[in-house]
Amino acid sequence: MDRRLLRFALVGGSNTLVTVVSYSALIEAGVPYLVAAVIGYVLGIVNGYTWNRIWTFEAGPFHLPEFRRYVMVQVSGLVLNLVVLRVLIADLGVARGLAELLSVVPIVLLTYSLNRAWTFQARI
């Protein structure tokens, strides 16, 4: 397996962990699920860009155009996550924790693909 692909996968796993753990902790603290999802995603965005830039792609210092693309991809993922959560929880009655797990996995795969093809494409 390509070293960068392995690193990207590990960072993606850490993003999922940061997102889900943050979401769960905030839910336990009584934060509404949509707010918890936003905060969890923001923490995942910061984690993911930092580690992908420094470790996965060894891209050096902060690069604003790259960061903008990363944020655009991640915010798109957040919007999709919120829509899926709303449907799963409010319309289908799925438990909040399970709903987050069900929504995060396919969205992580989608954002991974977009980031690989667009955000970091010049660095690959």
PDB file of N, CA and C in Angstrom:
ATOM      1  N   MET A   1       0.847  -1.186   0.000  1.00  0.00           N
ATOM      2  CA  MET A   1       0.000   0.000   0.000  1.00  0.00           C
ATOM      3  C   MET A   1       0.889   1.245   0.000  1.00  0.00           C
ATOM      4  N   ASP A   2       0.502   2.232  -0.776  1.00  0.00           N
ATOM      5  CA  ASP A   2       1.193   3.518  -0.833  1.00  0.00           C
ATOM      6  C   ASP A   2       1.234   4.148   0.560  1.00  0.00           C
ATOM      7  N   ARG A   3       2.392   4.663   0.951  1.00  0.00           N
ATOM      8  CA  ARG A   3       2.576   5.262   2.276  1.00  0.00           C
ATOM      9  C   ARG A   3       1.597   6.414   2.512  1.00  0.00           C
ATOM     10  N   ARG A   4       1.409   7.253   1.512  1.00  0.00           N
ATOM     11  CA  ARG A   4       0.478   8.381   1.672  1.00  0.00           C
ATOM     12  C   ARG A   4      -0.953   7.914   1.840  1.00  0.00           C
ATOM     13  N   LEU A   5      -1.329   6.905   1.098  1.00  0.00           N
ATOM     14  CA  LEU A   5      -2.689   6.383   1.215  1.00  0.00           C
ATOM     15  C   LEU A   5      -2.923   5.823   2.619  1.00  0.00           C
ATOM     16  N   LEU A   6      -1.944   5.100   3.141  1.00  0.00           N
ATOM     17  CA  LEU A   6      -2.046   4.566   4.496  1.00  0.00           C
ATOM     18  C   LEU A   6      -2.158   5.700   5.507  1.00  0.00           C
ATOM     19  N   ARG A   7      -1.330   6.713   5.367  1.00  0.00           N
ATOM     20  CA  ARG A   7      -1.387   7.856   6.281  1.00  0.00           C
ATOM     21  C   ARG A   7      -2.722   8.587   6.173  1.00  0.00           C
ATOM     22  N   PHE A   8      -3.213   8.777   4.937  1.00  0.00           N
ATOM     23  CA  PHE A   8      -4.502   9.433   4.747  1.00  0.00           C
ATOM     24  C   PHE A   8      -5.608   8.639   5.436  1.00  0.00           C
ATOM     25  N   ALA A   9      -5.542   7.317   5.307  1.00  0.00           N
ATOM     26  CA  ALA A   9      -6.539   6.461   5.959  1.00  0.00           C
ATOM     27  C   ALA A   9      -6.460   6.580   7.479  1.00  0.00           C
ATOM     28  N   LEU A  10      -5.247   6.631   8.022  1.00  0.00           N
ATOM     29  CA  LEU A  10      -5.088   6.780   9.470  1.00  0.00           C
ATOM     30  C   LEU A  10      -5.612   8.135   9.950  1.00  0.00           C
ATOM     31  N   VAL A  11      -5.322   9.190   9.198  1.00  0.00           N
ATOM     32  CA  VAL A  11      -5.846  10.513   9.557  1.00  0.00           C
ATOM     33  C   VAL A  11      -7.372  10.507   9.453  1.00  0.00           C
ATOM     34  N   GLY A  12      -7.896   9.896   8.410  1.00  0.00           N
ATOM     35  CA  GLY A  12      -9.351   9.779   8.273  1.00  0.00           C
ATOM     36  C   GLY A  12      -9.973   9.041   9.448  1.00  0.00           C
ATOM     37  N   GLY A  13      -9.301   7.990   9.893  1.00  0.00           N
ATOM     38  CA  GLY A  13      -9.777   7.269  11.079  1.00  0.00           C
ATOM     39  C   GLY A  13      -9.751   8.140  12.318  1.00  0.00           C
ATOM     40  N   SER A  14      -8.682   8.943  12.448  1.00  0.00           N
ATOM     41  CA  SER A  14      -8.617   9.841  13.607  1.00  0.00           C
ATOM     42  C   SER A  14      -9.688  10.919  13.522  1.00  0.00           C
ATOM     43  N   ASN A  15      -9.995  11.384  12.298  1.00  0.00           N
ATOM     44  CA  ASN A  15     -11.082  12.361  12.133  1.00  0.00           C
ATOM     45  C   ASN A  15     -12.414  11.768  12.573  1.00  0.00           C
ATOM     46  N   THR A  16     -12.652  10.547  12.154  1.00  0.00           N
ATOM     47  CA  THR A  16     -13.895   9.881  12.548  1.00  0.00           C
ATOM     48  C   THR A  16     -13.954   9.733  14.060  1.00  0.00           C
ATOM     49  N   LEU A  17     -12.844   9.327  14.657  1.00  0.00           N
ATOM     50  CA  LEU A  17     -12.788   9.176  16.107  1.00  0.00           C
ATOM     51  C   LEU A  17     -13.030  10.511  16.809  1.00  0.00           C
ATOM     52  N   VAL A  18     -12.345  11.559  16.357  1.00  0.00           N
ATOM     53  CA  VAL A  18     -12.528  12.888  16.950  1.00  0.00           C
ATOM     54  C   VAL A  18     -13.988  13.323  16.814  1.00  0.00           C
ATOM     55  N   THR A  19     -14.562  13.138  15.637  1.00  0.00           N
ATOM     56  CA  THR A  19     -15.946  13.550  15.386  1.00  0.00           C
ATOM     57  C   THR A  19     -16.926  12.782  16.266  1.00  0.00           C
ATOM     58  N   VAL A  20     -16.820  11.465  16.271  1.00  0.00           N
ATOM     59  CA  VAL A  20     -17.778  10.628  17.007  1.00  0.00           C
ATOM     60  C   VAL A  20     -17.618  10.793  18.519  1.00  0.00           C
ATOM     61  N   VAL A  21     -16.385  10.833  19.009  1.00  0.00           N
ATOM     62  CA  VAL A  21     -16.163  10.993  20.450  1.00  0.00           C
ATOM     63  C   VAL A  21     -16.645  12.370  20.914  1.00  0.00           C
ATOM     64  N   SER A  22     -16.336  13.395  20.138  1.00  0.00           N
ATOM     65  CA  SER A  22     -16.798  14.742  20.488  1.00  0.00           C
ATOM     66  C   SER A  22     -18.317  14.801  20.489  1.00  0.00           C
ATOM     67  N   TYR A  23     -18.927  14.267  19.436  1.00  0.00           N
ATOM     68  CA  TYR A  23     -20.381  14.231  19.322  1.00  0.00           C
ATOM     69  C   TYR A  23     -20.995  13.510  20.530  1.00  0.00           C
ATOM     70  N   SER A  24     -20.474  12.352  20.847  1.00  0.00           N
ATOM     71  CA  SER A  24     -21.011  11.560  21.963  1.00  0.00           C
ATOM     72  C   SER A  24     -20.857  12.283  23.298  1.00  0.00           C
ATOM     73  N   ALA A  25     -19.692  12.880  23.533  1.00  0.00           N
ATOM     74  CA  ALA A  25     -19.464  13.608  24.784  1.00  0.00           C
ATOM     75  C   ALA A  25     -20.404  14.797  24.896  1.00  0.00           C
ATOM     76  N   LEU A  26     -20.609  15.489  23.801  1.00  0.00           N
ATOM     77  CA  LEU A  26     -21.507  16.646  23.821  1.00  0.00           C
ATOM     78  C   LEU A  26     -22.958  16.219  24.033  1.00  0.00           C
ATOM     79  N   ILE A  27     -23.358  15.114  23.413  1.00  0.00           N
ATOM     80  CA  ILE A  27     -24.714  14.581  23.625  1.00  0.00           C
ATOM     81  C   ILE A  27     -24.904  14.241  25.102  1.00  0.00           C
ATOM     82  N   GLU A  28     -23.911  13.574  25.687  1.00  0.00           N
ATOM     83  CA  GLU A  28     -23.976  13.221  27.109  1.00  0.00           C
ATOM     84  C   GLU A  28     -24.053  14.462  27.991  1.00  0.00           C
ATOM     85  N   ALA A  29     -23.464  15.563  27.531  1.00  0.00           N
ATOM     86  CA  ALA A  29     -23.483  16.821  28.291  1.00  0.00           C
ATOM     87  C   ALA A  29     -24.783  17.592  28.073  1.00  0.00           C
ATOM     88  N   GLY A  30     -25.677  17.045  27.243  1.00  0.00           N
ATOM     89  CA  GLY A  30     -26.969  17.681  27.033  1.00  0.00           C
ATOM     90  C   GLY A  30     -27.039  18.647  25.861  1.00  0.00           C
ATOM     91  N   VAL A  31     -26.004  18.661  25.027  1.00  0.00           N
ATOM     92  CA  VAL A  31     -26.001  19.540  23.861  1.00  0.00           C
ATOM     93  C   VAL A  31     -26.920  18.932  22.797  1.00  0.00           C
ATOM     94  N   PRO A  32     -27.766  19.747  22.144  1.00  0.00           N
ATOM     95  CA  PRO A  32     -28.619  19.223  21.071  1.00  0.00           C
ATOM     96  C   PRO A  32     -27.796  18.533  19.983  1.00  0.00           C
ATOM     97  N   TYR A  33     -28.332  17.471  19.408  1.00  0.00           N
ATOM     98  CA  TYR A  33     -27.554  16.639  18.493  1.00  0.00           C
ATOM     99  C   TYR A  33     -27.040  17.371  17.265  1.00  0.00           C
ATOM    100  N   LEU A  34     -27.800  18.305  16.706  1.00  0.00           N
ATOM    101  CA  LEU A  34     -27.306  19.021  15.533  1.00  0.00           C
ATOM    102  C   LEU A  34     -26.133  19.940  15.887  1.00  0.00           C
ATOM    103  N   VAL A  35     -26.199  20.587  17.050  1.00  0.00           N
ATOM    104  CA  VAL A  35     -25.095  21.428  17.513  1.00  0.00           C
ATOM    105  C   VAL A  35     -23.869  20.553  17.803  1.00  0.00           C
ATOM    106  N   ALA A  36     -24.095  19.412  18.444  1.00  0.00           N
ATOM    107  CA  ALA A  36     -23.005  18.484  18.741  1.00  0.00           C
ATOM    108  C   ALA A  36     -22.337  18.003  17.453  1.00  0.00           C
ATOM    109  N   ALA A  37     -23.135  17.756  16.420  1.00  0.00           N
ATOM    110  CA  ALA A  37     -22.584  17.313  15.141  1.00  0.00           C
ATOM    111  C   ALA A  37     -21.714  18.395  14.506  1.00  0.00           C
ATOM    112  N   VAL A  38     -22.151  19.654  14.583  1.00  0.00           N
ATOM    113  CA  VAL A  38     -21.365  20.752  14.023  1.00  0.00           C
ATOM    114  C   VAL A  38     -20.029  20.877  14.753  1.00  0.00           C
ATOM    115  N   ILE A  39     -20.064  20.871  16.068  1.00  0.00           N
ATOM    116  CA  ILE A  39     -18.833  20.993  16.853  1.00  0.00           C
ATOM    117  C   ILE A  39     -17.901  19.825  16.576  1.00  0.00           C
ATOM    118  N   GLY A  40     -18.436  18.616  16.540  1.00  0.00           N
ATOM    119  CA  GLY A  40     -17.625  17.443  16.233  1.00  0.00           C
ATOM    120  C   GLY A  40     -16.970  17.546  14.862  1.00  0.00           C
ATOM    121  N   TYR A  41     -17.723  18.006  13.872  1.00  0.00           N
ATOM    122  CA  TYR A  41     -17.166  18.158  12.532  1.00  0.00           C
ATOM    123  C   TYR A  41     -16.083  19.224  12.480  1.00  0.00           C
ATOM    124  N   VAL A  42     -16.294  20.339  13.179  1.00  0.00           N
ATOM    125  CA  VAL A  42     -15.281  21.399  13.198  1.00  0.00           C
ATOM    126  C   VAL A  42     -13.978  20.860  13.789  1.00  0.00           C
ATOM    127  N   LEU A  43     -14.087  20.119  14.871  1.00  0.00           N
ATOM    128  CA  LEU A  43     -12.891  19.528  15.474  1.00  0.00           C
ATOM    129  C   LEU A  43     -12.232  18.541  14.509  1.00  0.00           C
ATOM    130  N   GLY A  44     -13.036  17.778  13.780  1.00  0.00           N
ATOM    131  CA  GLY A  44     -12.505  16.861  12.779  1.00  0.00           C
ATOM    132  C   GLY A  44     -11.813  17.595  11.631  1.00  0.00           C
ATOM    133  N   ILE A  45     -12.373  18.731  11.209  1.00  0.00           N
ATOM    134  CA  ILE A  45     -11.761  19.530  10.143  1.00  0.00           C
ATOM    135  C   ILE A  45     -10.380  20.007  10.556  1.00  0.00           C
ATOM    136  N   VAL A  46     -10.280  20.564  11.743  1.00  0.00           N
ATOM    137  CA  VAL A  46      -8.992  21.073  12.223  1.00  0.00           C
ATOM    138  C   VAL A  46      -7.983  19.932  12.347  1.00  0.00           C
ATOM    139  N   ASN A  47      -8.403  18.830  12.934  1.00  0.00           N
ATOM    140  CA  ASN A  47      -7.537  17.656  13.069  1.00  0.00           C
ATOM    141  C   ASN A  47      -7.072  17.158  11.704  1.00  0.00           C
ATOM    142  N   GLY A  48      -8.019  16.978  10.794  1.00  0.00           N
ATOM    143  CA  GLY A  48      -7.708  16.393   9.492  1.00  0.00           C
ATOM    144  C   GLY A  48      -6.797  17.249   8.641  1.00  0.00           C
ATOM    145  N   TYR A  49      -7.090  18.530   8.547  1.00  0.00           N
ATOM    146  CA  TYR A  49      -6.238  19.380   7.714  1.00  0.00           C
ATOM    147  C   TYR A  49      -4.828  19.428   8.282  1.00  0.00           C
ATOM    148  N   THR A  50      -4.726  19.593   9.569  1.00  0.00           N
ATOM    149  CA  THR A  50      -3.405  19.700  10.198  1.00  0.00           C
ATOM    150  C   THR A  50      -2.569  18.453   9.949  1.00  0.00           C
ATOM    151  N   TRP A  51      -3.119  17.287  10.246  1.00  0.00           N
ATOM    152  CA  TRP A  51      -2.358  16.042  10.080  1.00  0.00           C
ATOM    153  C   TRP A  51      -2.114  15.678   8.624  1.00  0.00           C
ATOM    154  N   ASN A  52      -3.103  15.914   7.747  1.00  0.00           N
ATOM    155  CA  ASN A  52      -2.874  15.619   6.327  1.00  0.00           C
ATOM    156  C   ASN A  52      -1.815  16.541   5.739  1.00  0.00           C
ATOM    157  N   ARG A  53      -1.845  17.795   6.110  1.00  0.00           N
ATOM    158  CA  ARG A  53      -0.869  18.755   5.591  1.00  0.00           C
ATOM    159  C   ARG A  53       0.531  18.434   6.085  1.00  0.00           C
ATOM    160  N   ILE A  54       0.664  18.193   7.385  1.00  0.00           N
ATOM    161  CA  ILE A  54       1.982  17.989   7.990  1.00  0.00           C
ATOM    162  C   ILE A  54       2.517  16.580   7.756  1.00  0.00           C
ATOM    163  N   TRP A  55       1.684  15.584   7.973  1.00  0.00           N
ATOM    164  CA  TRP A  55       2.167  14.204   8.018  1.00  0.00           C
ATOM    165  C   TRP A  55       1.905  13.447   6.716  1.00  0.00           C
ATOM    166  N   THR A  56       0.661  13.453   6.230  1.00  0.00           N
ATOM    167  CA  THR A  56       0.327  12.646   5.057  1.00  0.00           C
ATOM    168  C   THR A  56       1.023  13.145   3.807  1.00  0.00           C
ATOM    169  N   PHE A  57       0.866  14.435   3.527  1.00  0.00           N
ATOM    170  CA  PHE A  57       1.375  14.989   2.275  1.00  0.00           C
ATOM    171  C   PHE A  57       2.653  15.793   2.448  1.00  0.00           C
ATOM    172  N   GLU A  58       3.108  15.922   3.706  1.00  0.00           N
ATOM    173  CA  GLU A  58       4.340  16.651   4.005  1.00  0.00           C
ATOM    174  C   GLU A  58       4.386  17.954   3.204  1.00  0.00           C
ATOM    175  N   ALA A  59       3.285  18.712   3.314  1.00  0.00           N
ATOM    176  CA  ALA A  59       3.073  19.898   2.490  1.00  0.00           C
ATOM    177  C   ALA A  59       3.665  21.167   3.082  1.00  0.00           C
ATOM    178  N   GLY A  60       4.321  21.065   4.209  1.00  0.00           N
ATOM    179  CA  GLY A  60       4.960  22.239   4.779  1.00  0.00           C
ATOM    180  C   GLY A  60       3.976  23.124   5.526  1.00  0.00           C
ATOM    181  N   PRO A  61       4.297  24.405   5.547  1.00  0.00           N
ATOM    182  CA  PRO A  61       3.473  25.322   6.328  1.00  0.00           C
ATOM    183  C   PRO A  61       2.066  25.479   5.767  1.00  0.00           C
ATOM    184  N   PHE A  62       1.231  26.067   6.574  1.00  0.00           N
ATOM    185  CA  PHE A  62      -0.157  26.349   6.212  1.00  0.00           C
ATOM    186  C   PHE A  62      -0.220  26.957   4.819  1.00  0.00           C
ATOM    187  N   HIS A  63      -1.184  26.488   4.020  1.00  0.00           N
ATOM    188  CA  HIS A  63      -1.357  26.949   2.647  1.00  0.00           C
ATOM    189  C   HIS A  63      -2.830  27.297   2.465  1.00  0.00           C
ATOM    190  N   LEU A  64      -3.141  28.601   2.392  1.00  0.00           N
ATOM    191  CA  LEU A  64      -4.533  29.065   2.400  1.00  0.00           C
ATOM    192  C   LEU A  64      -5.397  28.481   1.283  1.00  0.00           C
ATOM    193  N   PRO A  65      -4.965  28.461   0.024  1.00  0.00           N
ATOM    194  CA  PRO A  65      -5.837  27.880  -1.012  1.00  0.00           C
ATOM    195  C   PRO A  65      -6.176  26.411  -0.741  1.00  0.00           C
ATOM    196  N   GLU A  66      -5.200  25.667  -0.288  1.00  0.00           N
ATOM    197  CA  GLU A  66      -5.419  24.258   0.046  1.00  0.00           C
ATOM    198  C   GLU A  66      -6.389  24.128   1.215  1.00  0.00           C
ATOM    199  N   PHE A  67      -6.210  24.959   2.229  1.00  0.00           N
ATOM    200  CA  PHE A  67      -7.094  24.940   3.389  1.00  0.00           C
ATOM    201  C   PHE A  67      -8.522  25.283   2.981  1.00  0.00           C
ATOM    202  N   ARG A  68      -8.693  26.252   2.102  1.00  0.00           N
ATOM    203  CA  ARG A  68     -10.045  26.606   1.623  1.00  0.00           C
ATOM    204  C   ARG A  68     -10.717  25.412   0.954  1.00  0.00           C
ATOM    205  N   ARG A  69      -9.970  24.731   0.093  1.00  0.00           N
ATOM    206  CA  ARG A  69     -10.543  23.550  -0.567  1.00  0.00           C
ATOM    207  C   ARG A  69     -10.913  22.478   0.461  1.00  0.00           C
ATOM    208  N   TYR A  70     -10.032  22.267   1.423  1.00  0.00           N
ATOM    209  CA  TYR A  70     -10.295  21.267   2.473  1.00  0.00           C
ATOM    210  C   TYR A  70     -11.569  21.623   3.242  1.00  0.00           C
ATOM    211  N   VAL A  71     -11.683  22.894   3.628  1.00  0.00           N
ATOM    212  CA  VAL A  71     -12.865  23.332   4.375  1.00  0.00           C
ATOM    213  C   VAL A  71     -14.123  23.180   3.520  1.00  0.00           C
ATOM    214  N   MET A  72     -14.044  23.514   2.234  1.00  0.00           N
ATOM    215  CA  MET A  72     -15.213  23.362   1.358  1.00  0.00           C
ATOM    216  C   MET A  72     -15.679  21.905   1.300  1.00  0.00           C
ATOM    217  N   VAL A  73     -14.735  20.999   1.173  1.00  0.00           N
ATOM    218  CA  VAL A  73     -15.088  19.572   1.134  1.00  0.00           C
ATOM    219  C   VAL A  73     -15.692  19.147   2.464  1.00  0.00           C
ATOM    220  N   GLN A  74     -15.048  19.548   3.558  1.00  0.00           N
ATOM    221  CA  GLN A  74     -15.519  19.119   4.870  1.00  0.00           C
ATOM    222  C   GLN A  74     -16.871  19.744   5.227  1.00  0.00           C
ATOM    223  N   VAL A  75     -17.083  20.999   4.865  1.00  0.00           N
ATOM    224  CA  VAL A  75     -18.378  21.635   5.140  1.00  0.00           C
ATOM    225  C   VAL A  75     -19.484  20.958   4.324  1.00  0.00           C
ATOM    226  N   SER A  76     -19.172  20.569   3.098  1.00  0.00           N
ATOM    227  CA  SER A  76     -20.138  19.813   2.305  1.00  0.00           C
ATOM    228  C   SER A  76     -20.491  18.503   3.007  1.00  0.00           C
ATOM    229  N   GLY A  77     -19.475  17.861   3.559  1.00  0.00           N
ATOM    230  CA  GLY A  77     -19.710  16.646   4.333  1.00  0.00           C
ATOM    231  C   GLY A  77     -20.549  16.914   5.564  1.00  0.00           C
ATOM    232  N   LEU A  78     -20.307  18.040   6.223  1.00  0.00           N
ATOM    233  CA  LEU A  78     -21.090  18.412   7.403  1.00  0.00           C
ATOM    234  C   LEU A  78     -22.554  18.613   7.043  1.00  0.00           C
ATOM    235  N   VAL A  79     -22.817  19.348   5.967  1.00  0.00           N
ATOM    236  CA  VAL A  79     -24.201  19.593   5.550  1.00  0.00           C
ATOM    237  C   VAL A  79     -24.897  18.263   5.255  1.00  0.00           C
ATOM    238  N   LEU A  80     -24.220  17.395   4.528  1.00  0.00           N
ATOM    239  CA  LEU A  80     -24.785  16.081   4.236  1.00  0.00           C
ATOM    240  C   LEU A  80     -25.015  15.297   5.522  1.00  0.00           C
ATOM    241  N   ASN A  81     -24.061  15.377   6.458  1.00  0.00           N
ATOM    242  CA  ASN A  81     -24.199  14.701   7.749  1.00  0.00           C
ATOM    243  C   ASN A  81     -25.428  15.195   8.500  1.00  0.00           C
ATOM    244  N   LEU A  82     -25.639  16.507   8.523  1.00  0.00           N
ATOM    245  CA  LEU A  82     -26.786  17.065   9.235  1.00  0.00           C
ATOM    246  C   LEU A  82     -28.103  16.618   8.618  1.00  0.00           C
ATOM    247  N   VAL A  83     -28.155  16.579   7.306  1.00  0.00           N
ATOM    248  CA  VAL A  83     -29.371  16.129   6.621  1.00  0.00           C
ATOM    249  C   VAL A  83     -29.653  14.664   6.952  1.00  0.00           C
ATOM    250  N   VAL A  84     -28.618  13.836   6.864  1.00  0.00           N
ATOM    251  CA  VAL A  84     -28.789  12.404   7.155  1.00  0.00           C
ATOM    252  C   VAL A  84     -29.177  12.198   8.613  1.00  0.00           C
ATOM    253  N   LEU A  85     -28.523  12.909   9.540  1.00  0.00           N
ATOM    254  CA  LEU A  85     -28.890  12.800  10.956  1.00  0.00           C
ATOM    255  C   LEU A  85     -30.346  13.178  11.181  1.00  0.00           C
ATOM    256  N   ARG A  86     -30.762  14.265  10.591  1.00  0.00           N
ATOM    257  CA  ARG A  86     -32.141  14.735  10.756  1.00  0.00           C
ATOM    258  C   ARG A  86     -33.124  13.666  10.296  1.00  0.00           C
ATOM    259  N   VAL A  87     -32.869  13.081   9.145  1.00  0.00           N
ATOM    260  CA  VAL A  87     -33.753  12.048   8.607  1.00  0.00           C
ATOM    261  C   VAL A  87     -33.730  10.807   9.500  1.00  0.00           C
ATOM    262  N   LEU A  88     -32.529  10.339   9.847  1.00  0.00           N
ATOM    263  CA  LEU A  88     -32.425   9.115  10.648  1.00  0.00           C
ATOM    264  C   LEU A  88     -33.055   9.280  12.031  1.00  0.00           C
ATOM    265  N   ILE A  89     -32.798  10.411  12.685  1.00  0.00           N
ATOM    266  CA  ILE A  89     -33.271  10.599  14.054  1.00  0.00           C
ATOM    267  C   ILE A  89     -34.729  11.062  14.098  1.00  0.00           C
ATOM    268  N   ALA A  90     -35.025  12.156  13.431  1.00  0.00           N
ATOM    269  CA  ALA A  90     -36.367  12.747  13.536  1.00  0.00           C
ATOM    270  C   ALA A  90     -37.413  11.989  12.742  1.00  0.00           C
ATOM    271  N   ASP A  91     -37.044  11.495  11.580  1.00  0.00           N
ATOM    272  CA  ASP A  91     -38.036  10.844  10.728  1.00  0.00           C
ATOM    273  C   ASP A  91     -38.105   9.330  10.917  1.00  0.00           C
ATOM    274  N   LEU A  92     -36.963   8.709  11.164  1.00  0.00           N
ATOM    275  CA  LEU A  92     -36.932   7.249  11.252  1.00  0.00           C
ATOM    276  C   LEU A  92     -36.778   6.721  12.676  1.00  0.00           C
ATOM    277  N   GLY A  93     -36.504   7.610  13.640  1.00  0.00           N
ATOM    278  CA  GLY A  93     -36.420   7.204  15.041  1.00  0.00           C
ATOM    279  C   GLY A  93     -35.177   6.425  15.416  1.00  0.00           C
ATOM    280  N   VAL A  94     -34.114   6.542  14.634  1.00  0.00           N
ATOM    281  CA  VAL A  94     -32.860   5.857  14.942  1.00  0.00           C
ATOM    282  C   VAL A  94     -32.210   6.553  16.139  1.00  0.00           C
ATOM    283  N   ALA A  95     -31.605   5.803  17.030  1.00  0.00           N
ATOM    284  CA  ALA A  95     -30.907   6.366  18.197  1.00  0.00           C
ATOM    285  C   ALA A  95     -29.802   7.319  17.730  1.00  0.00           C
ATOM    286  N   ARG A  96     -29.597   8.382  18.489  1.00  0.00           N
ATOM    287  CA  ARG A  96     -28.647   9.429  18.079  1.00  0.00           C
ATOM    288  C   ARG A  96     -27.230   8.917  17.836  1.00  0.00           C
ATOM    289  N   GLY A  97     -26.709   8.080  18.719  1.00  0.00           N
ATOM    290  CA  GLY A  97     -25.358   7.553  18.544  1.00  0.00           C
ATOM    291  C   GLY A  97     -25.241   6.672  17.317  1.00  0.00           C
ATOM    292  N   LEU A  98     -26.200   5.783  17.144  1.00  0.00           N
ATOM    293  CA  LEU A  98     -26.199   4.905  15.977  1.00  0.00           C
ATOM    294  C   LEU A  98     -26.365   5.718  14.697  1.00  0.00           C
ATOM    295  N   ALA A  99     -27.204   6.737  14.737  1.00  0.00           N
ATOM    296  CA  ALA A  99     -27.419   7.586  13.564  1.00  0.00           C
ATOM    297  C   ALA A  99     -26.113   8.249  13.128  1.00  0.00           C
ATOM    298  N   GLU A 100     -25.333   8.726  14.095  1.00  0.00           N
ATOM    299  CA  GLU A 100     -24.051   9.357  13.753  1.00  0.00           C
ATOM    300  C   GLU A 100     -23.107   8.347  13.109  1.00  0.00           C
ATOM    301  N   LEU A 101     -23.033   7.150  13.657  1.00  0.00           N
ATOM    302  CA  LEU A 101     -22.166   6.119  13.068  1.00  0.00           C
ATOM    303  C   LEU A 101     -22.609   5.763  11.651  1.00  0.00           C
ATOM    304  N   LEU A 102     -23.912   5.629  11.460  1.00  0.00           N
ATOM    305  CA  LEU A 102     -24.433   5.289  10.138  1.00  0.00           C
ATOM    306  C   LEU A 102     -24.185   6.394   9.120  1.00  0.00           C
ATOM    307  N   SER A 103     -24.203   7.631   9.556  1.00  0.00           N
ATOM    308  CA  SER A 103     -24.009   8.736   8.618  1.00  0.00           C
ATOM    309  C   SER A 103     -22.537   9.057   8.382  1.00  0.00           C
ATOM    310  N   VAL A 104     -21.699   8.907   9.393  1.00  0.00           N
ATOM    311  CA  VAL A 104     -20.305   9.312   9.278  1.00  0.00           C
ATOM    312  C   VAL A 104     -19.522   8.426   8.313  1.00  0.00           C
ATOM    313  N   VAL A 105     -19.723   7.134   8.341  1.00  0.00           N
ATOM    314  CA  VAL A 105     -18.897   6.226   7.540  1.00  0.00           C
ATOM    315  C   VAL A 105     -18.966   6.541   6.038  1.00  0.00           C
ATOM    316  N   PRO A 106     -20.150   6.594   5.424  1.00  0.00           N
ATOM    317  CA  PRO A 106     -20.161   6.902   3.983  1.00  0.00           C
ATOM    318  C   PRO A 106     -19.693   8.330   3.681  1.00  0.00           C
ATOM    319  N   ILE A 107     -19.950   9.256   4.588  1.00  0.00           N
ATOM    320  CA  ILE A 107     -19.533  10.637   4.365  1.00  0.00           C
ATOM    321  C   ILE A 107     -18.008  10.757   4.448  1.00  0.00           C
ATOM    322  N   VAL A 108     -17.395  10.026   5.350  1.00  0.00           N
ATOM    323  CA  VAL A 108     -15.927  10.019   5.431  1.00  0.00           C
ATOM    324  C   VAL A 108     -15.339   9.482   4.129  1.00  0.00           C
ATOM    325  N   LEU A 109     -15.910   8.438   3.579  1.00  0.00           N
ATOM    326  CA  LEU A 109     -15.413   7.888   2.315  1.00  0.00           C
ATOM    327  C   LEU A 109     -15.558   8.900   1.182  1.00  0.00           C
ATOM    328  N   LEU A 110     -16.669   9.619   1.163  1.00  0.00           N
ATOM    329  CA  LEU A 110     -16.885  10.635   0.132  1.00  0.00           C
ATOM    330  C   LEU A 110     -15.896  11.787   0.278  1.00  0.00           C
ATOM    331  N   THR A 111     -15.733  12.303   1.489  1.00  0.00           N
ATOM    332  CA  THR A 111     -14.821  13.431   1.676  1.00  0.00           C
ATOM    333  C   THR A 111     -13.363  13.013   1.449  1.00  0.00           C
ATOM    334  N   TYR A 112     -13.028  11.786   1.792  1.00  0.00           N
ATOM    335  CA  TYR A 112     -11.683  11.265   1.490  1.00  0.00           C
ATOM    336  C   TYR A 112     -11.436  11.341  -0.013  1.00  0.00           C
ATOM    337  N   SER A 113     -12.369  10.842  -0.787  1.00  0.00           N
ATOM    338  CA  SER A 113     -12.210  10.823  -2.242  1.00  0.00           C
ATOM    339  C   SER A 113     -12.071  12.237  -2.808  1.00  0.00           C
ATOM    340  N   LEU A 114     -12.896  13.142  -2.336  1.00  0.00           N
ATOM    341  CA  LEU A 114     -12.826  14.523  -2.811  1.00  0.00           C
ATOM    342  C   LEU A 114     -11.520  15.203  -2.406  1.00  0.00           C
ATOM    343  N   ASN A 115     -11.094  14.971  -1.177  1.00  0.00           N
ATOM    344  CA  ASN A 115      -9.830  15.570  -0.738  1.00  0.00           C
ATOM    345  C   ASN A 115      -8.648  15.004  -1.504  1.00  0.00           C
ATOM    346  N   ARG A 116      -8.661  13.741  -1.739  1.00  0.00           N
ATOM    347  CA  ARG A 116      -7.556  13.108  -2.487  1.00  0.00           C
ATOM    348  C   ARG A 116      -7.500  13.638  -3.913  1.00  0.00           C
ATOM    349  N   ALA A 117      -8.653  13.769  -4.540  1.00  0.00           N
ATOM    350  CA  ALA A 117      -8.699  14.187  -5.946  1.00  0.00           C
ATOM    351  C   ALA A 117      -8.550  15.696  -6.141  1.00  0.00           C
ATOM    352  N   TRP A 118      -8.984  16.492  -5.153  1.00  0.00           N
ATOM    353  CA  TRP A 118      -9.048  17.948  -5.388  1.00  0.00           C
ATOM    354  C   TRP A 118      -8.183  18.744  -4.407  1.00  0.00           C
ATOM    355  N   THR A 119      -8.388  18.539  -3.115  1.00  0.00           N
ATOM    356  CA  THR A 119      -7.706  19.369  -2.129  1.00  0.00           C
ATOM    357  C   THR A 119      -6.199  19.222  -2.196  1.00  0.00           C
ATOM    358  N   PHE A 120      -5.724  18.005  -2.134  1.00  0.00           N
ATOM    359  CA  PHE A 120      -4.290  17.743  -2.065  1.00  0.00           C
ATOM    360  C   PHE A 120      -3.729  17.248  -3.392  1.00  0.00           C
ATOM    361  N   GLN A 121      -4.473  17.365  -4.464  1.00  0.00           N
ATOM    362  CA  GLN A 121      -4.052  16.800  -5.747  1.00  0.00           C
ATOM    363  C   GLN A 121      -2.713  17.318  -6.228  1.00  0.00           C
ATOM    364  N   ALA A 122      -2.408  18.576  -5.977  1.00  0.00           N
ATOM    365  CA  ALA A 122      -1.122  19.119  -6.423  1.00  0.00           C
ATOM    366  C   ALA A 122       0.035  18.575  -5.611  1.00  0.00           C
ATOM    367  N   ARG A 123      -0.258  18.022  -4.445  1.00  0.00           N
ATOM    368  CA  ARG A 123       0.782  17.536  -3.543  1.00  0.00           C
ATOM    369  C   ARG A 123       1.024  16.033  -3.689  1.00  0.00           C
ATOM    370  N   ILE A 124       0.167  15.345  -4.405  1.00  0.00           N
ATOM    371  CA  ILE A 124       0.268  13.885  -4.499  1.00  0.00           C
ATOM    372  C   ILE A 124       1.352  13.482  -5.468  1.00  0.00           C
TER     373      ILE A 124
END
